[in-house]
Amino acid sequence: MIKNIRHIGIKVKNLPKMITFYRNLGFQVFSHTTENWGGRELEICKLKTDFGMLELIKTKSKWPQYHSCWSVRKFPEMISAARKGDTAYFKDPEGNYIEMVKVAS
């Protein structure tokens, strides 16, 4: 079912400062965009390294402090109601945010 961890997302206050911090740790910026998610404006910087990806999110809107995103081959039955196309958003039993993206086998 779960193929891999796709990325970790972190809500930040000072995006330029956080980009510099993670670049100094070896991450490389590969995308920096502004997106609208359900009426909320998000500035998103995606950084990668050989072992994974990090998503830094700056917004004035309500947004989770962090989330994990997993690539899956098939959605588990328990999260079918949370699906939006090939993506699902939900919380685990302790309230941690999880995003799943369906990918080809």
PDB file of N, CA and C in Angstrom:
ATOM      1  N   MET A   1       0.821  -1.182   0.000  1.00  0.00           N
ATOM      2  CA  MET A   1       0.000   0.000   0.000  1.00  0.00           C
ATOM      3  C   MET A   1       0.875   1.260   0.000  1.00  0.00           C
ATOM      4  N   ILE A   2       1.713   1.491   1.011  1.00  0.00           N
ATOM      5  CA  ILE A   2       2.569   2.678   1.064  1.00  0.00           C
ATOM      6  C   ILE A   2       3.848   2.402   0.279  1.00  0.00           C
ATOM      7  N   LYS A   3       4.133   3.289  -0.656  1.00  0.00           N
ATOM      8  CA  LYS A   3       5.313   3.128  -1.501  1.00  0.00           C
ATOM      9  C   LYS A   3       6.534   3.804  -0.877  1.00  0.00           C
ATOM     10  N   ASN A   4       6.359   5.058  -0.423  1.00  0.00           N
ATOM     11  CA  ASN A   4       7.458   5.783   0.226  1.00  0.00           C
ATOM     12  C   ASN A   4       6.940   7.061   0.881  1.00  0.00           C
ATOM     13  N   ILE A   5       7.806   7.687   1.641  1.00  0.00           N
ATOM     14  CA  ILE A   5       7.492   9.012   2.180  1.00  0.00           C
ATOM     15  C   ILE A   5       7.836  10.008   1.083  1.00  0.00           C
ATOM     16  N   ARG A   6       6.863  10.796   0.685  1.00  0.00           N
ATOM     17  CA  ARG A   6       7.015  11.735  -0.427  1.00  0.00           C
ATOM     18  C   ARG A   6       7.717  13.019   0.023  1.00  0.00           C
ATOM     19  N   HIS A   7       7.205  13.606   1.117  1.00  0.00           N
ATOM     20  CA  HIS A   7       7.844  14.797   1.679  1.00  0.00           C
ATOM     21  C   HIS A   7       7.324  15.061   3.090  1.00  0.00           C
ATOM     22  N   ILE A   8       8.020  15.952   3.764  1.00  0.00           N
ATOM     23  CA  ILE A   8       7.576  16.478   5.054  1.00  0.00           C
ATOM     24  C   ILE A   8       7.304  17.960   4.831  1.00  0.00           C
ATOM     25  N   GLY A   9       6.159  18.440   5.279  1.00  0.00           N
ATOM     26  CA  GLY A   9       5.801  19.848   5.145  1.00  0.00           C
ATOM     27  C   GLY A   9       5.877  20.549   6.487  1.00  0.00           C
ATOM     28  N   ILE A  10       6.429  21.773   6.479  1.00  0.00           N
ATOM     29  CA  ILE A  10       6.570  22.554   7.711  1.00  0.00           C
ATOM     30  C   ILE A  10       6.062  23.970   7.456  1.00  0.00           C
ATOM     31  N   LYS A  11       5.154  24.453   8.294  1.00  0.00           N
ATOM     32  CA  LYS A  11       4.689  25.835   8.214  1.00  0.00           C
ATOM     33  C   LYS A  11       5.756  26.729   8.840  1.00  0.00           C
ATOM     34  N   VAL A  12       6.150  27.790   8.126  1.00  0.00           N
ATOM     35  CA  VAL A  12       7.217  28.674   8.615  1.00  0.00           C
ATOM     36  C   VAL A  12       6.730  30.115   8.675  1.00  0.00           C
ATOM     37  N   LYS A  13       7.408  30.938   9.479  1.00  0.00           N
ATOM     38  CA  LYS A  13       7.085  32.364   9.592  1.00  0.00           C
ATOM     39  C   LYS A  13       7.980  33.201   8.690  1.00  0.00           C
ATOM     40  N   ASN A  14       9.279  32.864   8.647  1.00  0.00           N
ATOM     41  CA  ASN A  14      10.255  33.627   7.878  1.00  0.00           C
ATOM     42  C   ASN A  14      10.831  32.707   6.803  1.00  0.00           C
ATOM     43  N   LEU A  15      10.214  32.722   5.627  1.00  0.00           N
ATOM     44  CA  LEU A  15      10.593  31.784   4.580  1.00  0.00           C
ATOM     45  C   LEU A  15      12.031  31.968   4.097  1.00  0.00           C
ATOM     46  N   PRO A  16      12.497  33.190   3.798  1.00  0.00           N
ATOM     47  CA  PRO A  16      13.892  33.336   3.355  1.00  0.00           C
ATOM     48  C   PRO A  16      14.908  32.794   4.373  1.00  0.00           C
ATOM     49  N   LYS A  17      14.662  33.059   5.645  1.00  0.00           N
ATOM     50  CA  LYS A  17      15.557  32.569   6.703  1.00  0.00           C
ATOM     51  C   LYS A  17      15.572  31.038   6.752  1.00  0.00           C
ATOM     52  N   MET A  18      14.382  30.429   6.607  1.00  0.00           N
ATOM     53  CA  MET A  18      14.288  28.966   6.659  1.00  0.00           C
ATOM     54  C   MET A  18      14.900  28.319   5.417  1.00  0.00           C
ATOM     55  N   ILE A  19      14.750  28.960   4.263  1.00  0.00           N
ATOM     56  CA  ILE A  19      15.381  28.446   3.045  1.00  0.00           C
ATOM     57  C   ILE A  19      16.896  28.423   3.220  1.00  0.00           C
ATOM     58  N   THR A  20      17.447  29.505   3.740  1.00  0.00           N
ATOM     59  CA  THR A  20      18.893  29.580   3.980  1.00  0.00           C
ATOM     60  C   THR A  20      19.330  28.495   4.954  1.00  0.00           C
ATOM     61  N   PHE A  21      18.585  28.315   6.028  1.00  0.00           N
ATOM     62  CA  PHE A  21      18.917  27.299   7.023  1.00  0.00           C
ATOM     63  C   PHE A  21      19.007  25.907   6.387  1.00  0.00           C
ATOM     64  N   TYR A  22      17.972  25.523   5.646  1.00  0.00           N
ATOM     65  CA  TYR A  22      17.951  24.177   5.059  1.00  0.00           C
ATOM     66  C   TYR A  22      18.937  24.028   3.905  1.00  0.00           C
ATOM     67  N   ARG A  23      19.202  25.103   3.174  1.00  0.00           N
ATOM     68  CA  ARG A  23      20.235  25.031   2.132  1.00  0.00           C
ATOM     69  C   ARG A  23      21.603  24.785   2.771  1.00  0.00           C
ATOM     70  N   ASN A  24      21.843  25.394   3.920  1.00  0.00           N
ATOM     71  CA  ASN A  24      23.104  25.177   4.636  1.00  0.00           C
ATOM     72  C   ASN A  24      23.238  23.743   5.151  1.00  0.00           C
ATOM     73  N   LEU A  25      22.114  23.038   5.266  1.00  0.00           N
ATOM     74  CA  LEU A  25      22.142  21.629   5.673  1.00  0.00           C
ATOM     75  C   LEU A  25      22.285  20.691   4.470  1.00  0.00           C
ATOM     76  N   GLY A  26      22.317  21.258   3.260  1.00  0.00           N
ATOM     77  CA  GLY A  26      22.518  20.436   2.072  1.00  0.00           C
ATOM     78  C   GLY A  26      21.323  20.295   1.150  1.00  0.00           C
ATOM     79  N   PHE A  27      20.187  20.896   1.492  1.00  0.00           N
ATOM     80  CA  PHE A  27      19.019  20.842   0.617  1.00  0.00           C
ATOM     81  C   PHE A  27      19.186  21.823  -0.540  1.00  0.00           C
ATOM     82  N   GLN A  28      18.548  21.515  -1.669  1.00  0.00           N
ATOM     83  CA  GLN A  28      18.557  22.394  -2.842  1.00  0.00           C
ATOM     84  C   GLN A  28      17.127  22.778  -3.187  1.00  0.00           C
ATOM     85  N   VAL A  29      16.913  24.072  -3.468  1.00  0.00           N
ATOM     86  CA  VAL A  29      15.588  24.543  -3.871  1.00  0.00           C
ATOM     87  C   VAL A  29      15.316  24.063  -5.295  1.00  0.00           C
ATOM     88  N   PHE A  30      14.145  23.454  -5.513  1.00  0.00           N
ATOM     89  CA  PHE A  30      13.793  23.077  -6.885  1.00  0.00           C
ATOM     90  C   PHE A  30      12.443  23.636  -7.313  1.00  0.00           C
ATOM     91  N   SER A  31      11.707  24.263  -6.393  1.00  0.00           N
ATOM     92  CA  SER A  31      10.432  24.884  -6.738  1.00  0.00           C
ATOM     93  C   SER A  31      10.098  25.931  -5.683  1.00  0.00           C
ATOM     94  N   HIS A  32       9.610  27.083  -6.128  1.00  0.00           N
ATOM     95  CA  HIS A  32       9.193  28.149  -5.218  1.00  0.00           C
ATOM     96  C   HIS A  32       7.998  28.834  -5.865  1.00  0.00           C
ATOM     97  N   THR A  33       6.798  28.574  -5.336  1.00  0.00           N
ATOM     98  CA  THR A  33       5.571  29.057  -5.955  1.00  0.00           C
ATOM     99  C   THR A  33       4.618  29.646  -4.922  1.00  0.00           C
ATOM    100  N   THR A  34       3.630  30.365  -5.422  1.00  0.00           N
ATOM    101  CA  THR A  34       2.502  30.801  -4.605  1.00  0.00           C
ATOM    102  C   THR A  34       1.282  30.090  -5.153  1.00  0.00           C
ATOM    103  N   GLU A  35       0.534  29.431  -4.271  1.00  0.00           N
ATOM    104  CA  GLU A  35      -0.623  28.648  -4.680  1.00  0.00           C
ATOM    105  C   GLU A  35      -1.836  29.030  -3.859  1.00  0.00           C
ATOM    106  N   ASN A  36      -3.008  28.783  -4.396  1.00  0.00           N
ATOM    107  CA  ASN A  36      -4.256  29.021  -3.686  1.00  0.00           C
ATOM    108  C   ASN A  36      -4.899  27.676  -3.391  1.00  0.00           C
ATOM    109  N   TRP A  37      -5.073  27.379  -2.112  1.00  0.00           N
ATOM    110  CA  TRP A  37      -5.694  26.123  -1.676  1.00  0.00           C
ATOM    111  C   TRP A  37      -6.967  26.461  -0.917  1.00  0.00           C
ATOM    112  N   GLY A  38      -8.100  26.292  -1.551  1.00  0.00           N
ATOM    113  CA  GLY A  38      -9.383  26.530  -0.881  1.00  0.00           C
ATOM    114  C   GLY A  38      -9.518  27.935  -0.341  1.00  0.00           C
ATOM    115  N   GLY A  39      -9.067  28.933  -1.101  1.00  0.00           N
ATOM    116  CA  GLY A  39      -9.162  30.323  -0.671  1.00  0.00           C
ATOM    117  C   GLY A  39      -8.024  30.781   0.226  1.00  0.00           C
ATOM    118  N   ARG A  40      -7.070  29.898   0.495  1.00  0.00           N
ATOM    119  CA  ARG A  40      -5.917  30.254   1.331  1.00  0.00           C
ATOM    120  C   ARG A  40      -4.681  30.389   0.446  1.00  0.00           C
ATOM    121  N   GLU A  41      -4.018  31.517   0.549  1.00  0.00           N
ATOM    122  CA  GLU A  41      -2.799  31.723  -0.231  1.00  0.00           C
ATOM    123  C   GLU A  41      -1.608  31.132   0.513  1.00  0.00           C
ATOM    124  N   LEU A  42      -0.863  30.280  -0.197  1.00  0.00           N
ATOM    125  CA  LEU A  42       0.299  29.623   0.379  1.00  0.00           C
ATOM    126  C   LEU A  42       1.518  29.924  -0.476  1.00  0.00           C
ATOM    127  N   GLU A  43       2.598  30.339   0.155  1.00  0.00           N
ATOM    128  CA  GLU A  43       3.887  30.440  -0.527  1.00  0.00           C
ATOM    129  C   GLU A  43       4.630  29.161  -0.170  1.00  0.00           C
ATOM    130  N   ILE A  44       4.986  28.369  -1.177  1.00  0.00           N
ATOM    131  CA  ILE A  44       5.566  27.044  -0.950  1.00  0.00           C
ATOM    132  C   ILE A  44       6.935  26.954  -1.607  1.00  0.00           C
ATOM    133  N   CYS A  45       7.919  26.583  -0.815  1.00  0.00           N
ATOM    134  CA  CYS A  45       9.262  26.338  -1.330  1.00  0.00           C
ATOM    135  C   CYS A  45       9.569  24.861  -1.117  1.00  0.00           C
ATOM    136  N   LYS A  46       9.882  24.163  -2.218  1.00  0.00           N
ATOM    137  CA  LYS A  46      10.210  22.741  -2.136  1.00  0.00           C
ATOM    138  C   LYS A  46      11.718  22.582  -2.279  1.00  0.00           C
ATOM    139  N   LEU A  47      12.282  21.848  -1.329  1.00  0.00           N
ATOM    140  CA  LEU A  47      13.718  21.594  -1.310  1.00  0.00           C
ATOM    141  C   LEU A  47      13.952  20.098  -1.350  1.00  0.00           C
ATOM    142  N   LYS A  48      15.035  19.683  -1.969  1.00  0.00           N
ATOM    143  CA  LYS A  48      15.323  18.254  -2.024  1.00  0.00           C
ATOM    144  C   LYS A  48      16.785  17.992  -1.696  1.00  0.00           C
ATOM    145  N   THR A  49      17.004  16.751  -1.354  1.00  0.00           N
ATOM    146  CA  THR A  49      18.338  16.224  -1.116  1.00  0.00           C
ATOM    147  C   THR A  49      18.315  14.785  -1.621  1.00  0.00           C
ATOM    148  N   ASP A  50      19.422  14.100  -1.543  1.00  0.00           N
ATOM    149  CA  ASP A  50      19.481  12.728  -2.052  1.00  0.00           C
ATOM    150  C   ASP A  50      18.501  11.786  -1.352  1.00  0.00           C
ATOM    151  N   PHE A  51      18.124  12.101  -0.127  1.00  0.00           N
ATOM    152  CA  PHE A  51      17.298  11.178   0.647  1.00  0.00           C
ATOM    153  C   PHE A  51      15.855  11.620   0.827  1.00  0.00           C
ATOM    154  N   GLY A  52      15.449  12.765   0.279  1.00  0.00           N
ATOM    155  CA  GLY A  52      14.060  13.158   0.449  1.00  0.00           C
ATOM    156  C   GLY A  52      13.772  14.597   0.101  1.00  0.00           C
ATOM    157  N   MET A  53      12.526  14.988   0.361  1.00  0.00           N
ATOM    158  CA  MET A  53      12.059  16.316   0.025  1.00  0.00           C
ATOM    159  C   MET A  53      11.422  16.984   1.234  1.00  0.00           C
ATOM    160  N   LEU A  54      11.579  18.300   1.277  1.00  0.00           N
ATOM    161  CA  LEU A  54      11.020  19.122   2.343  1.00  0.00           C
ATOM    162  C   LEU A  54      10.182  20.205   1.691  1.00  0.00           C
ATOM    163  N   GLU A  55       9.021  20.501   2.272  1.00  0.00           N
ATOM    164  CA  GLU A  55       8.125  21.528   1.753  1.00  0.00           C
ATOM    165  C   GLU A  55       7.972  22.584   2.845  1.00  0.00           C
ATOM    166  N   LEU A  56       8.452  23.802   2.583  1.00  0.00           N
ATOM    167  CA  LEU A  56       8.307  24.913   3.526  1.00  0.00           C
ATOM    168  C   LEU A  56       7.105  25.739   3.085  1.00  0.00           C
ATOM    169  N   ILE A  57       6.176  25.993   3.994  1.00  0.00           N
ATOM    170  CA  ILE A  57       4.921  26.663   3.656  1.00  0.00           C
ATOM    171  C   ILE A  57       4.757  27.914   4.508  1.00  0.00           C
ATOM    172  N   LYS A  58       4.594  29.065   3.834  1.00  0.00           N
ATOM    173  CA  LYS A  58       4.318  30.308   4.545  1.00  0.00           C
ATOM    174  C   LYS A  58       2.915  30.764   4.182  1.00  0.00           C
ATOM    175  N   THR A  59       2.108  31.010   5.200  1.00  0.00           N
ATOM    176  CA  THR A  59       0.740  31.482   4.993  1.00  0.00           C
ATOM    177  C   THR A  59       0.265  32.232   6.230  1.00  0.00           C
ATOM    178  N   LYS A  60      -0.643  33.161   6.018  1.00  0.00           N
ATOM    179  CA  LYS A  60      -1.281  33.851   7.141  1.00  0.00           C
ATOM    180  C   LYS A  60      -2.556  33.127   7.542  1.00  0.00           C
ATOM    181  N   SER A  61      -2.960  32.163   6.729  1.00  0.00           N
ATOM    182  CA  SER A  61      -4.182  31.404   6.981  1.00  0.00           C
ATOM    183  C   SER A  61      -3.927  30.263   7.951  1.00  0.00           C
ATOM    184  N   LYS A  62      -5.023  29.705   8.456  1.00  0.00           N
ATOM    185  CA  LYS A  62      -4.931  28.524   9.309  1.00  0.00           C
ATOM    186  C   LYS A  62      -4.382  27.374   8.472  1.00  0.00           C
ATOM    187  N   TRP A  63      -3.342  26.748   8.945  1.00  0.00           N
ATOM    188  CA  TRP A  63      -2.687  25.644   8.240  1.00  0.00           C
ATOM    189  C   TRP A  63      -1.949  24.813   9.273  1.00  0.00           C
ATOM    190  N   PRO A  64      -1.870  23.494   9.108  1.00  0.00           N
ATOM    191  CA  PRO A  64      -1.154  22.671  10.102  1.00  0.00           C
ATOM    192  C   PRO A  64       0.318  23.076  10.213  1.00  0.00           C
ATOM    193  N   GLN A  65       0.867  22.980  11.401  1.00  0.00           N
ATOM    194  CA  GLN A  65       2.274  23.325  11.630  1.00  0.00           C
ATOM    195  C   GLN A  65       3.196  22.407  10.831  1.00  0.00           C
ATOM    196  N   TYR A  66       2.794  21.166  10.686  1.00  0.00           N
ATOM    197  CA  TYR A  66       3.586  20.222   9.896  1.00  0.00           C
ATOM    198  C   TYR A  66       2.664  19.131   9.364  1.00  0.00           C
ATOM    199  N   HIS A  67       3.133  18.428   8.341  1.00  0.00           N
ATOM    200  CA  HIS A  67       2.414  17.257   7.843  1.00  0.00           C
ATOM    201  C   HIS A  67       3.403  16.336   7.149  1.00  0.00           C
ATOM    202  N   SER A  68       3.018  15.091   7.034  1.00  0.00           N
ATOM    203  CA  SER A  68       3.812  14.139   6.253  1.00  0.00           C
ATOM    204  C   SER A  68       2.992  13.750   5.032  1.00  0.00           C
ATOM    205  N   CYS A  69       3.670  13.461   3.941  1.00  0.00           N
ATOM    206  CA  CYS A  69       3.002  13.053   2.711  1.00  0.00           C
ATOM    207  C   CYS A  69       3.617  11.743   2.242  1.00  0.00           C
ATOM    208  N   TRP A  70       2.771  10.777   1.932  1.00  0.00           N
ATOM    209  CA  TRP A  70       3.231   9.455   1.514  1.00  0.00           C
ATOM    210  C   TRP A  70       2.707   9.152   0.118  1.00  0.00           C
ATOM    211  N   SER A  71       3.518   8.490  -0.683  1.00  0.00           N
ATOM    212  CA  SER A  71       3.069   7.958  -1.970  1.00  0.00           C
ATOM    213  C   SER A  71       2.478   6.581  -1.705  1.00  0.00           C
ATOM    214  N   VAL A  72       1.294   6.323  -2.281  1.00  0.00           N
ATOM    215  CA  VAL A  72       0.641   5.030  -2.097  1.00  0.00           C
ATOM    216  C   VAL A  72       0.207   4.470  -3.453  1.00  0.00           C
ATOM    217  N   ARG A  73       0.139   3.149  -3.532  1.00  0.00           N
ATOM    218  CA  ARG A  73      -0.344   2.500  -4.752  1.00  0.00           C
ATOM    219  C   ARG A  73      -1.868   2.406  -4.747  1.00  0.00           C
ATOM    220  N   LYS A  74      -2.442   2.299  -3.544  1.00  0.00           N
ATOM    221  CA  LYS A  74      -3.881   2.168  -3.369  1.00  0.00           C
ATOM    222  C   LYS A  74      -4.258   2.822  -2.050  1.00  0.00           C
ATOM    223  N   PHE A  75      -5.377   3.547  -2.037  1.00  0.00           N
ATOM    224  CA  PHE A  75      -5.821   4.169  -0.794  1.00  0.00           C
ATOM    225  C   PHE A  75      -6.417   3.124   0.142  1.00  0.00           C
ATOM    226  N   PRO A  76      -6.094   3.224   1.435  1.00  0.00           N
ATOM    227  CA  PRO A  76      -6.740   2.325   2.403  1.00  0.00           C
ATOM    228  C   PRO A  76      -8.237   2.617   2.460  1.00  0.00           C
ATOM    229  N   GLU A  77      -9.037   1.611   2.719  1.00  0.00           N
ATOM    230  CA  GLU A  77     -10.497   1.770   2.805  1.00  0.00           C
ATOM    231  C   GLU A  77     -10.903   2.845   3.809  1.00  0.00           C
ATOM    232  N   MET A  78     -10.182   2.934   4.915  1.00  0.00           N
ATOM    233  CA  MET A  78     -10.579   3.840   5.998  1.00  0.00           C
ATOM    234  C   MET A  78     -10.495   5.314   5.631  1.00  0.00           C
ATOM    235  N   ILE A  79      -9.810   5.678   4.572  1.00  0.00           N
ATOM    236  CA  ILE A  79      -9.691   7.097   4.244  1.00  0.00           C
ATOM    237  C   ILE A  79     -10.413   7.484   2.962  1.00  0.00           C
ATOM    238  N   SER A  80     -11.291   6.630   2.481  1.00  0.00           N
ATOM    239  CA  SER A  80     -11.964   6.915   1.216  1.00  0.00           C
ATOM    240  C   SER A  80     -12.760   8.215   1.249  1.00  0.00           C
ATOM    241  N   ALA A  81     -13.312   8.593   2.382  1.00  0.00           N
ATOM    242  CA  ALA A  81     -14.108   9.816   2.477  1.00  0.00           C
ATOM    243  C   ALA A  81     -13.248  11.078   2.405  1.00  0.00           C
ATOM    244  N   ALA A  82     -11.967  10.961   2.692  1.00  0.00           N
ATOM    245  CA  ALA A  82     -11.083  12.122   2.722  1.00  0.00           C
ATOM    246  C   ALA A  82     -10.423  12.402   1.373  1.00  0.00           C
ATOM    247  N   ARG A  83     -10.728  11.603   0.357  1.00  0.00           N
ATOM    248  CA  ARG A  83     -10.067  11.710  -0.940  1.00  0.00           C
ATOM    249  C   ARG A  83     -10.560  12.885  -1.756  1.00  0.00           C
ATOM    250  N   LYS A  84      -9.613  13.481  -2.496  1.00  0.00           N
ATOM    251  CA  LYS A  84      -9.910  14.508  -3.484  1.00  0.00           C
ATOM    252  C   LYS A  84      -9.101  14.129  -4.716  1.00  0.00           C
ATOM    253  N   GLY A  85      -9.698  13.330  -5.589  1.00  0.00           N
ATOM    254  CA  GLY A  85      -8.971  12.842  -6.758  1.00  0.00           C
ATOM    255  C   GLY A  85      -7.905  11.847  -6.347  1.00  0.00           C
ATOM    256  N   ASP A  86      -6.671  12.107  -6.759  1.00  0.00           N
ATOM    257  CA  ASP A  86      -5.556  11.213  -6.423  1.00  0.00           C
ATOM    258  C   ASP A  86      -4.849  11.610  -5.137  1.00  0.00           C
ATOM    259  N   THR A  87      -5.453  12.502  -4.366  1.00  0.00           N
ATOM    260  CA  THR A  87      -4.855  12.962  -3.105  1.00  0.00           C
ATOM    261  C   THR A  87      -5.874  12.814  -1.980  1.00  0.00           C
ATOM    262  N   ALA A  88      -5.388  12.452  -0.801  1.00  0.00           N
ATOM    263  CA  ALA A  88      -6.241  12.342   0.383  1.00  0.00           C
ATOM    264  C   ALA A  88      -5.582  13.076   1.544  1.00  0.00           C
ATOM    265  N   TYR A  89      -6.386  13.792   2.307  1.00  0.00           N
ATOM    266  CA  TYR A  89      -5.909  14.512   3.486  1.00  0.00           C
ATOM    267  C   TYR A  89      -6.712  14.040   4.681  1.00  0.00           C
ATOM    268  N   PHE A  90      -6.029  13.728   5.784  1.00  0.00           N
ATOM    269  CA  PHE A  90      -6.723  13.273   6.973  1.00  0.00           C
ATOM    270  C   PHE A  90      -5.796  13.396   8.175  1.00  0.00           C
ATOM    271  N   LYS A  91      -6.341  13.105   9.363  1.00  0.00           N
ATOM    272  CA  LYS A  91      -5.562  13.120  10.601  1.00  0.00           C
ATOM    273  C   LYS A  91      -5.483  11.708  11.158  1.00  0.00           C
ATOM    274  N   ASP A  92      -4.359  11.421  11.814  1.00  0.00           N
ATOM    275  CA  ASP A  92      -4.266  10.136  12.512  1.00  0.00           C
ATOM    276  C   ASP A  92      -5.021  10.250  13.835  1.00  0.00           C
ATOM    277  N   PRO A  93      -5.114   9.186  14.630  1.00  0.00           N
ATOM    278  CA  PRO A  93      -5.883   9.234  15.874  1.00  0.00           C
ATOM    279  C   PRO A  93      -5.423  10.288  16.890  1.00  0.00           C
ATOM    280  N   GLU A  94      -4.177  10.773  16.777  1.00  0.00           N
ATOM    281  CA  GLU A  94      -3.698  11.804  17.705  1.00  0.00           C
ATOM    282  C   GLU A  94      -3.693  13.200  17.080  1.00  0.00           C
ATOM    283  N   GLY A  95      -4.289  13.340  15.895  1.00  0.00           N
ATOM    284  CA  GLY A  95      -4.442  14.655  15.286  1.00  0.00           C
ATOM    285  C   GLY A  95      -3.309  15.104  14.376  1.00  0.00           C
ATOM    286  N   ASN A  96      -2.367  14.214  14.042  1.00  0.00           N
ATOM    287  CA  ASN A  96      -1.278  14.572  13.135  1.00  0.00           C
ATOM    288  C   ASN A  96      -1.789  14.534  11.695  1.00  0.00           C
ATOM    289  N   TYR A  97      -1.449  15.556  10.927  1.00  0.00           N
ATOM    290  CA  TYR A  97      -1.923  15.646   9.548  1.00  0.00           C
ATOM    291  C   TYR A  97      -1.121  14.743   8.614  1.00  0.00           C
ATOM    292  N   ILE A  98      -1.846  14.056   7.734  1.00  0.00           N
ATOM    293  CA  ILE A  98      -1.228  13.153   6.753  1.00  0.00           C
ATOM    294  C   ILE A  98      -1.841  13.450   5.384  1.00  0.00           C
ATOM    295  N   GLU A  99      -0.989  13.471   4.397  1.00  0.00           N
ATOM    296  CA  GLU A  99      -1.409  13.609   3.008  1.00  0.00           C
ATOM    297  C   GLU A  99      -0.951  12.353   2.295  1.00  0.00           C
ATOM    298  N   MET A 100      -1.814  11.775   1.452  1.00  0.00           N
ATOM    299  CA  MET A 100      -1.422  10.615   0.638  1.00  0.00           C
ATOM    300  C   MET A 100      -1.662  10.958  -0.818  1.00  0.00           C
ATOM    301  N   VAL A 101      -0.724  10.580  -1.677  1.00  0.00           N
ATOM    302  CA  VAL A 101      -0.844  10.799  -3.112  1.00  0.00           C
ATOM    303  C   VAL A 101      -0.769   9.444  -3.806  1.00  0.00           C
ATOM    304  N   LYS A 102      -1.794   9.143  -4.611  1.00  0.00           N
ATOM    305  CA  LYS A 102      -1.824   7.873  -5.335  1.00  0.00           C
ATOM    306  C   LYS A 102      -0.911   7.969  -6.552  1.00  0.00           C
ATOM    307  N   VAL A 103      -0.007   7.002  -6.681  1.00  0.00           N
ATOM    308  CA  VAL A 103       0.939   6.958  -7.803  1.00  0.00           C
ATOM    309  C   VAL A 103       0.826   5.623  -8.510  1.00  0.00           C
ATOM    310  N   ALA A 104       1.318   5.568  -9.717  1.00  0.00           N
ATOM    311  CA  ALA A 104       1.287   4.315 -10.475  1.00  0.00           C
ATOM    312  C   ALA A 104       2.169   3.266  -9.805  1.00  0.00           C
ATOM    313  N   SER A 105       1.811   2.034  -9.952  1.00  0.00           N
ATOM    314  CA  SER A 105       2.602   0.935  -9.380  1.00  0.00           C
ATOM    315  C   SER A 105       3.893   0.884 -10.079  1.00  0.00           C
TER     316      SER A 105
END
